[in-house]
Amino acid sequence: MQVLLRDQDDDCFGLWMLQEGRLVEFAIPHTERIHQPAPPNEDFSPDPGRLRRTDQGNAQPEQTPEELRDTRSPW
């Protein structure tokens, strides 16, 4: 099964597939998921980040290093 999703905060679509029983996002050319730093504690909901196009010539926000991202699954 393949699922094409677009959230209200995204400016493009994301491709998701079930892989070994898990819903996994697959990269689409000219897109990148931008992650925010993890919240200070568990009182905040997990944030999946935003999917942004990289082929529009717009300034892209700096990507948060993996070790500073929220590791909880938002779905």
PDB file of N, CA and C in Angstrom:
ATOM      1  N   MET A   1       0.844  -1.163   0.000  1.00  0.00           N
ATOM      2  CA  MET A   1       0.000   0.000   0.000  1.00  0.00           C
ATOM      3  C   MET A   1       0.893   1.230   0.000  1.00  0.00           C
ATOM      4  N   GLN A   2       0.524   2.208  -0.786  1.00  0.00           N
ATOM      5  CA  GLN A   2       1.216   3.489  -0.807  1.00  0.00           C
ATOM      6  C   GLN A   2       0.219   4.575  -0.426  1.00  0.00           C
ATOM      7  N   VAL A   3       0.679   5.540   0.334  1.00  0.00           N
ATOM      8  CA  VAL A   3      -0.182   6.635   0.778  1.00  0.00           C
ATOM      9  C   VAL A   3       0.526   7.938   0.448  1.00  0.00           C
ATOM     10  N   LEU A   4      -0.186   8.836  -0.211  1.00  0.00           N
ATOM     11  CA  LEU A   4       0.350  10.153  -0.524  1.00  0.00           C
ATOM     12  C   LEU A   4      -0.368  11.149   0.376  1.00  0.00           C
ATOM     13  N   LEU A   5       0.383  11.832   1.243  1.00  0.00           N
ATOM     14  CA  LEU A   5      -0.205  12.731   2.239  1.00  0.00           C
ATOM     15  C   LEU A   5       0.251  14.162   2.040  1.00  0.00           C
ATOM     16  N   ARG A   6      -0.633  15.065   2.391  1.00  0.00           N
ATOM     17  CA  ARG A   6      -0.277  16.483   2.411  1.00  0.00           C
ATOM     18  C   ARG A   6      -0.923  17.095   3.645  1.00  0.00           C
ATOM     19  N   ASP A   7      -0.101  17.639   4.527  1.00  0.00           N
ATOM     20  CA  ASP A   7      -0.578  18.273   5.751  1.00  0.00           C
ATOM     21  C   ASP A   7      -0.794  19.757   5.481  1.00  0.00           C
ATOM     22  N   GLN A   8      -1.558  20.411   6.323  1.00  0.00           N
ATOM     23  CA  GLN A   8      -1.829  21.838   6.142  1.00  0.00           C
ATOM     24  C   GLN A   8      -0.569  22.686   6.224  1.00  0.00           C
ATOM     25  N   ASP A   9       0.467  22.217   6.926  1.00  0.00           N
ATOM     26  CA  ASP A   9       1.709  22.978   7.056  1.00  0.00           C
ATOM     27  C   ASP A   9       2.735  22.638   5.978  1.00  0.00           C
ATOM     28  N   ASP A  10       2.469  21.602   5.190  1.00  0.00           N
ATOM     29  CA  ASP A  10       3.415  21.188   4.157  1.00  0.00           C
ATOM     30  C   ASP A  10       3.114  21.917   2.856  1.00  0.00           C
ATOM     31  N   ASP A  11       4.167  22.157   2.057  1.00  0.00           N
ATOM     32  CA  ASP A  11       3.938  22.774   0.751  1.00  0.00           C
ATOM     33  C   ASP A  11       4.114  21.765  -0.376  1.00  0.00           C
ATOM     34  N   CYS A  12       4.119  20.473  -0.023  1.00  0.00           N
ATOM     35  CA  CYS A  12       4.193  19.408  -1.018  1.00  0.00           C
ATOM     36  C   CYS A  12       3.671  18.116  -0.387  1.00  0.00           C
ATOM     37  N   PHE A  13       3.682  17.041  -1.149  1.00  0.00           N
ATOM     38  CA  PHE A  13       3.165  15.769  -0.683  1.00  0.00           C
ATOM     39  C   PHE A  13       4.294  14.874  -0.201  1.00  0.00           C
ATOM     40  N   GLY A  14       3.970  13.941   0.690  1.00  0.00           N
ATOM     41  CA  GLY A  14       4.924  12.947   1.157  1.00  0.00           C
ATOM     42  C   GLY A  14       4.442  11.561   0.770  1.00  0.00           C
ATOM     43  N   LEU A  15       5.355  10.656   0.496  1.00  0.00           N
ATOM     44  CA  LEU A  15       5.029   9.284   0.136  1.00  0.00           C
ATOM     45  C   LEU A  15       5.310   8.381   1.327  1.00  0.00           C
ATOM     46  N   TRP A  16       4.291   7.641   1.730  1.00  0.00           N
ATOM     47  CA  TRP A  16       4.403   6.738   2.867  1.00  0.00           C
ATOM     48  C   TRP A  16       4.012   5.340   2.409  1.00  0.00           C
ATOM     49  N   MET A  17       4.724   4.332   2.906  1.00  0.00           N
ATOM     50  CA  MET A  17       4.422   2.941   2.557  1.00  0.00           C
ATOM     51  C   MET A  17       4.553   2.078   3.805  1.00  0.00           C
ATOM     52  N   LEU A  18       3.800   0.971   3.816  1.00  0.00           N
ATOM     53  CA  LEU A  18       3.966  -0.009   4.880  1.00  0.00           C
ATOM     54  C   LEU A  18       5.163  -0.872   4.519  1.00  0.00           C
ATOM     55  N   GLN A  19       6.126  -0.942   5.411  1.00  0.00           N
ATOM     56  CA  GLN A  19       7.327  -1.731   5.201  1.00  0.00           C
ATOM     57  C   GLN A  19       7.565  -2.545   6.463  1.00  0.00           C
ATOM     58  N   GLU A  20       7.490  -3.868   6.340  1.00  0.00           N
ATOM     59  CA  GLU A  20       7.657  -4.766   7.479  1.00  0.00           C
ATOM     60  C   GLU A  20       6.710  -4.399   8.625  1.00  0.00           C
ATOM     61  N   GLY A  21       5.477  -4.052   8.283  1.00  0.00           N
ATOM     62  CA  GLY A  21       4.467  -3.746   9.277  1.00  0.00           C
ATOM     63  C   GLY A  21       4.528  -2.352   9.875  1.00  0.00           C
ATOM     64  N   ARG A  22       5.428  -1.510   9.392  1.00  0.00           N
ATOM     65  CA  ARG A  22       5.557  -0.136   9.898  1.00  0.00           C
ATOM     66  C   ARG A  22       5.277   0.856   8.783  1.00  0.00           C
ATOM     67  N   LEU A  23       4.672   1.981   9.125  1.00  0.00           N
ATOM     68  CA  LEU A  23       4.455   3.058   8.173  1.00  0.00           C
ATOM     69  C   LEU A  23       5.739   3.865   8.085  1.00  0.00           C
ATOM     70  N   VAL A  24       6.332   3.911   6.887  1.00  0.00           N
ATOM     71  CA  VAL A  24       7.639   4.521   6.678  1.00  0.00           C
ATOM     72  C   VAL A  24       7.538   5.577   5.586  1.00  0.00           C
ATOM     73  N   GLU A  25       8.157   6.722   5.826  1.00  0.00           N
ATOM     74  CA  GLU A  25       8.180   7.777   4.805  1.00  0.00           C
ATOM     75  C   GLU A  25       9.336   7.528   3.844  1.00  0.00           C
ATOM     76  N   PHE A  26       9.054   7.640   2.551  1.00  0.00           N
ATOM     77  CA  PHE A  26      10.076   7.487   1.527  1.00  0.00           C
ATOM     78  C   PHE A  26      10.382   8.850   0.929  1.00  0.00           C
ATOM     79  N   ALA A  27      11.641   9.080   0.681  1.00  0.00           N
ATOM     80  CA  ALA A  27      12.070  10.371   0.130  1.00  0.00           C
ATOM     81  C   ALA A  27      11.561  10.535  -1.302  1.00  0.00           C
ATOM     82  N   ILE A  28      11.117  11.732  -1.604  1.00  0.00           N
ATOM     83  CA  ILE A  28      10.719  12.112  -2.960  1.00  0.00           C
ATOM     84  C   ILE A  28      11.739  13.151  -3.416  1.00  0.00           C
ATOM     85  N   PRO A  29      12.216  13.052  -4.666  1.00  0.00           N
ATOM     86  CA  PRO A  29      13.190  14.042  -5.134  1.00  0.00           C
ATOM     87  C   PRO A  29      12.705  15.474  -4.904  1.00  0.00           C
ATOM     88  N   HIS A  30      13.613  16.328  -4.529  1.00  0.00           N
ATOM     89  CA  HIS A  30      13.367  17.759  -4.316  1.00  0.00           C
ATOM     90  C   HIS A  30      12.501  18.048  -3.100  1.00  0.00           C
ATOM     91  N   THR A  31      12.479  17.125  -2.129  1.00  0.00           N
ATOM     92  CA  THR A  31      11.779  17.373  -0.868  1.00  0.00           C
ATOM     93  C   THR A  31      12.702  17.026   0.290  1.00  0.00           C
ATOM     94  N   GLU A  32      12.448  17.642   1.418  1.00  0.00           N
ATOM     95  CA  GLU A  32      13.220  17.363   2.631  1.00  0.00           C
ATOM     96  C   GLU A  32      12.326  17.641   3.831  1.00  0.00           C
ATOM     97  N   ARG A  33      12.375  16.756   4.820  1.00  0.00           N
ATOM     98  CA  ARG A  33      11.624  16.982   6.050  1.00  0.00           C
ATOM     99  C   ARG A  33      12.515  17.780   6.998  1.00  0.00           C
ATOM    100  N   ILE A  34      12.006  18.922   7.435  1.00  0.00           N
ATOM    101  CA  ILE A  34      12.724  19.808   8.349  1.00  0.00           C
ATOM    102  C   ILE A  34      12.195  19.546   9.756  1.00  0.00           C
ATOM    103  N   HIS A  35      13.088  19.166  10.660  1.00  0.00           N
ATOM    104  CA  HIS A  35      12.698  18.843  12.033  1.00  0.00           C
ATOM    105  C   HIS A  35      13.026  19.998  12.972  1.00  0.00           C
ATOM    106  N   GLN A  36      12.144  20.191  13.930  1.00  0.00           N
ATOM    107  CA  GLN A  36      12.361  21.167  14.989  1.00  0.00           C
ATOM    108  C   GLN A  36      13.130  20.483  16.118  1.00  0.00           C
ATOM    109  N   PRO A  37      13.801  21.255  16.967  1.00  0.00           N
ATOM    110  CA  PRO A  37      14.436  20.647  18.147  1.00  0.00           C
ATOM    111  C   PRO A  37      13.381  19.993  19.043  1.00  0.00           C
ATOM    112  N   ALA A  38      13.783  18.975  19.777  1.00  0.00           N
ATOM    113  CA  ALA A  38      12.864  18.267  20.677  1.00  0.00           C
ATOM    114  C   ALA A  38      12.326  19.226  21.736  1.00  0.00           C
ATOM    115  N   PRO A  39      11.080  19.014  22.178  1.00  0.00           N
ATOM    116  CA  PRO A  39      10.546  19.858  23.250  1.00  0.00           C
ATOM    117  C   PRO A  39      11.290  19.592  24.559  1.00  0.00           C
ATOM    118  N   PRO A  40      11.160  20.492  25.514  1.00  0.00           N
ATOM    119  CA  PRO A  40      11.917  20.359  26.770  1.00  0.00           C
ATOM    120  C   PRO A  40      11.492  19.175  27.639  1.00  0.00           C
ATOM    121  N   ASN A  41      10.245  18.689  27.457  1.00  0.00           N
ATOM    122  CA  ASN A  41       9.791  17.553  28.262  1.00  0.00           C
ATOM    123  C   ASN A  41       8.660  16.822  27.549  1.00  0.00           C
ATOM    124  N   GLU A  42       8.156  15.760  28.163  1.00  0.00           N
ATOM    125  CA  GLU A  42       7.124  14.909  27.555  1.00  0.00           C
ATOM    126  C   GLU A  42       5.723  15.528  27.598  1.00  0.00           C
ATOM    127  N   ASP A  43       5.575  16.713  28.178  1.00  0.00           N
ATOM    128  CA  ASP A  43       4.270  17.376  28.220  1.00  0.00           C
ATOM    129  C   ASP A  43       3.844  17.853  26.831  1.00  0.00           C
ATOM    130  N   PHE A  44       4.785  17.958  25.923  1.00  0.00           N
ATOM    131  CA  PHE A  44       4.504  18.419  24.568  1.00  0.00           C
ATOM    132  C   PHE A  44       4.290  17.225  23.644  1.00  0.00           C
ATOM    133  N   SER A  45       3.410  17.382  22.678  1.00  0.00           N
ATOM    134  CA  SER A  45       3.163  16.319  21.693  1.00  0.00           C
ATOM    135  C   SER A  45       4.361  16.173  20.764  1.00  0.00           C
ATOM    136  N   PRO A  46       4.595  14.953  20.243  1.00  0.00           N
ATOM    137  CA  PRO A  46       5.675  14.766  19.267  1.00  0.00           C
ATOM    138  C   PRO A  46       5.402  15.587  18.009  1.00  0.00           C
ATOM    139  N   ASP A  47       6.435  16.105  17.398  1.00  0.00           N
ATOM    140  CA  ASP A  47       6.310  16.939  16.196  1.00  0.00           C
ATOM    141  C   ASP A  47       6.997  16.227  15.034  1.00  0.00           C
ATOM    142  N   PRO A  48       6.258  15.914  13.955  1.00  0.00           N
ATOM    143  CA  PRO A  48       6.864  15.218  12.824  1.00  0.00           C
ATOM    144  C   PRO A  48       7.725  16.112  11.937  1.00  0.00           C
ATOM    145  N   GLY A  49       7.705  17.411  12.172  1.00  0.00           N
ATOM    146  CA  GLY A  49       8.442  18.333  11.316  1.00  0.00           C
ATOM    147  C   GLY A  49       7.600  18.748  10.119  1.00  0.00           C
ATOM    148  N   ARG A  50       8.242  19.413   9.178  1.00  0.00           N
ATOM    149  CA  ARG A  50       7.540  19.887   7.980  1.00  0.00           C
ATOM    150  C   ARG A  50       8.250  19.384   6.737  1.00  0.00           C
ATOM    151  N   LEU A  51       7.476  19.075   5.730  1.00  0.00           N
ATOM    152  CA  LEU A  51       8.024  18.655   4.457  1.00  0.00           C
ATOM    153  C   LEU A  51       8.119  19.888   3.560  1.00  0.00           C
ATOM    154  N   ARG A  52       9.324  20.156   3.046  1.00  0.00           N
ATOM    155  CA  ARG A  52       9.554  21.356   2.235  1.00  0.00           C
ATOM    156  C   ARG A  52      10.138  20.988   0.886  1.00  0.00           C
ATOM    157  N   ARG A  53       9.774  21.757  -0.106  1.00  0.00           N
ATOM    158  CA  ARG A  53      10.379  21.599  -1.432  1.00  0.00           C
ATOM    159  C   ARG A  53      11.753  22.248  -1.428  1.00  0.00           C
ATOM    160  N   THR A  54      12.689  21.629  -2.117  1.00  0.00           N
ATOM    161  CA  THR A  54      14.051  22.157  -2.177  1.00  0.00           C
ATOM    162  C   THR A  54      14.399  22.689  -3.556  1.00  0.00           C
ATOM    163  N   ASP A  55      13.460  22.623  -4.493  1.00  0.00           N
ATOM    164  CA  ASP A  55      13.740  23.029  -5.875  1.00  0.00           C
ATOM    165  C   ASP A  55      13.140  24.377  -6.247  1.00  0.00           C
ATOM    166  N   GLN A  56      12.711  25.145  -5.271  1.00  0.00           N
ATOM    167  CA  GLN A  56      12.059  26.427  -5.548  1.00  0.00           C
ATOM    168  C   GLN A  56      12.993  27.623  -5.409  1.00  0.00           C
ATOM    169  N   GLY A  57      14.225  27.401  -4.981  1.00  0.00           N
ATOM    170  CA  GLY A  57      15.171  28.494  -4.825  1.00  0.00           C
ATOM    171  C   GLY A  57      14.942  29.333  -3.584  1.00  0.00           C
ATOM    172  N   ASN A  58      14.039  28.897  -2.710  1.00  0.00           N
ATOM    173  CA  ASN A  58      13.770  29.628  -1.473  1.00  0.00           C
ATOM    174  C   ASN A  58      14.817  29.276  -0.421  1.00  0.00           C
ATOM    175  N   ALA A  59      15.060  30.187   0.481  1.00  0.00           N
ATOM    176  CA  ALA A  59      15.974  29.908   1.589  1.00  0.00           C
ATOM    177  C   ALA A  59      15.369  28.809   2.450  1.00  0.00           C
ATOM    178  N   GLN A  60      16.152  27.805   2.768  1.00  0.00           N
ATOM    179  CA  GLN A  60      15.681  26.686   3.573  1.00  0.00           C
ATOM    180  C   GLN A  60      16.123  26.873   5.026  1.00  0.00           C
ATOM    181  N   PRO A  61      15.251  26.526   5.968  1.00  0.00           N
ATOM    182  CA  PRO A  61      15.666  26.602   7.368  1.00  0.00           C
ATOM    183  C   PRO A  61      16.765  25.583   7.634  1.00  0.00           C
ATOM    184  N   GLU A  62      17.574  25.850   8.621  1.00  0.00           N
ATOM    185  CA  GLU A  62      18.652  24.932   8.974  1.00  0.00           C
ATOM    186  C   GLU A  62      18.068  23.681   9.615  1.00  0.00           C
ATOM    187  N   GLN A  63      18.567  22.532   9.207  1.00  0.00           N
ATOM    188  CA  GLN A  63      18.096  21.260   9.734  1.00  0.00           C
ATOM    189  C   GLN A  63      18.626  21.051  11.155  1.00  0.00           C
ATOM    190  N   THR A  64      17.751  20.604  12.044  1.00  0.00           N
ATOM    191  CA  THR A  64      18.148  20.281  13.411  1.00  0.00           C
ATOM    192  C   THR A  64      18.955  18.983  13.391  1.00  0.00           C
ATOM    193  N   PRO A  65      20.111  18.946  14.044  1.00  0.00           N
ATOM    194  CA  PRO A  65      20.895  17.698  14.091  1.00  0.00           C
ATOM    195  C   PRO A  65      20.063  16.559  14.684  1.00  0.00           C
ATOM    196  N   GLU A  66      20.283  15.345  14.208  1.00  0.00           N
ATOM    197  CA  GLU A  66      19.493  14.188  14.641  1.00  0.00           C
ATOM    198  C   GLU A  66      19.469  14.008  16.155  1.00  0.00           C
ATOM    199  N   GLU A  67      20.596  14.262  16.812  1.00  0.00           N
ATOM    200  CA  GLU A  67      20.642  14.028  18.259  1.00  0.00           C
ATOM    201  C   GLU A  67      19.804  15.039  19.046  1.00  0.00           C
ATOM    202  N   LEU A  68      19.363  16.107  18.420  1.00  0.00           N
ATOM    203  CA  LEU A  68      18.537  17.112  19.097  1.00  0.00           C
ATOM    204  C   LEU A  68      17.056  17.021  18.730  1.00  0.00           C
ATOM    205  N   ARG A  69      16.703  16.083  17.862  1.00  0.00           N
ATOM    206  CA  ARG A  69      15.312  15.917  17.437  1.00  0.00           C
ATOM    207  C   ARG A  69      14.543  15.063  18.429  1.00  0.00           C
ATOM    208  N   ASP A  70      13.218  15.189  18.387  1.00  0.00           N
ATOM    209  CA  ASP A  70      12.330  14.374  19.204  1.00  0.00           C
ATOM    210  C   ASP A  70      12.308  12.972  18.600  1.00  0.00           C
ATOM    211  N   THR A  71      12.632  11.955  19.373  1.00  0.00           N
ATOM    212  CA  THR A  71      12.675  10.586  18.852  1.00  0.00           C
ATOM    213  C   THR A  71      11.345   9.850  18.987  1.00  0.00           C
ATOM    214  N   ARG A  72      10.352  10.482  19.623  1.00  0.00           N
ATOM    215  CA  ARG A  72       9.044   9.841  19.758  1.00  0.00           C
ATOM    216  C   ARG A  72       8.319   9.860  18.429  1.00  0.00           C
ATOM    217  N   SER A  73       7.576   8.807  18.135  1.00  0.00           N
ATOM    218  CA  SER A  73       6.811   8.737  16.896  1.00  0.00           C
ATOM    219  C   SER A  73       5.560   9.611  16.994  1.00  0.00           C
ATOM    220  N   PRO A  74       5.322  10.486  16.018  1.00  0.00           N
ATOM    221  CA  PRO A  74       4.129  11.328  16.060  1.00  0.00           C
ATOM    222  C   PRO A  74       2.882  10.594  15.542  1.00  0.00           C
ATOM    223  N   TRP A  75       3.016   9.397  14.996  1.00  0.00           N
ATOM    224  CA  TRP A  75       1.855   8.657  14.492  1.00  0.00           C
ATOM    225  C   TRP A  75       1.771   7.301  15.093  1.00  0.00           C
TER     226      TRP A  75
END
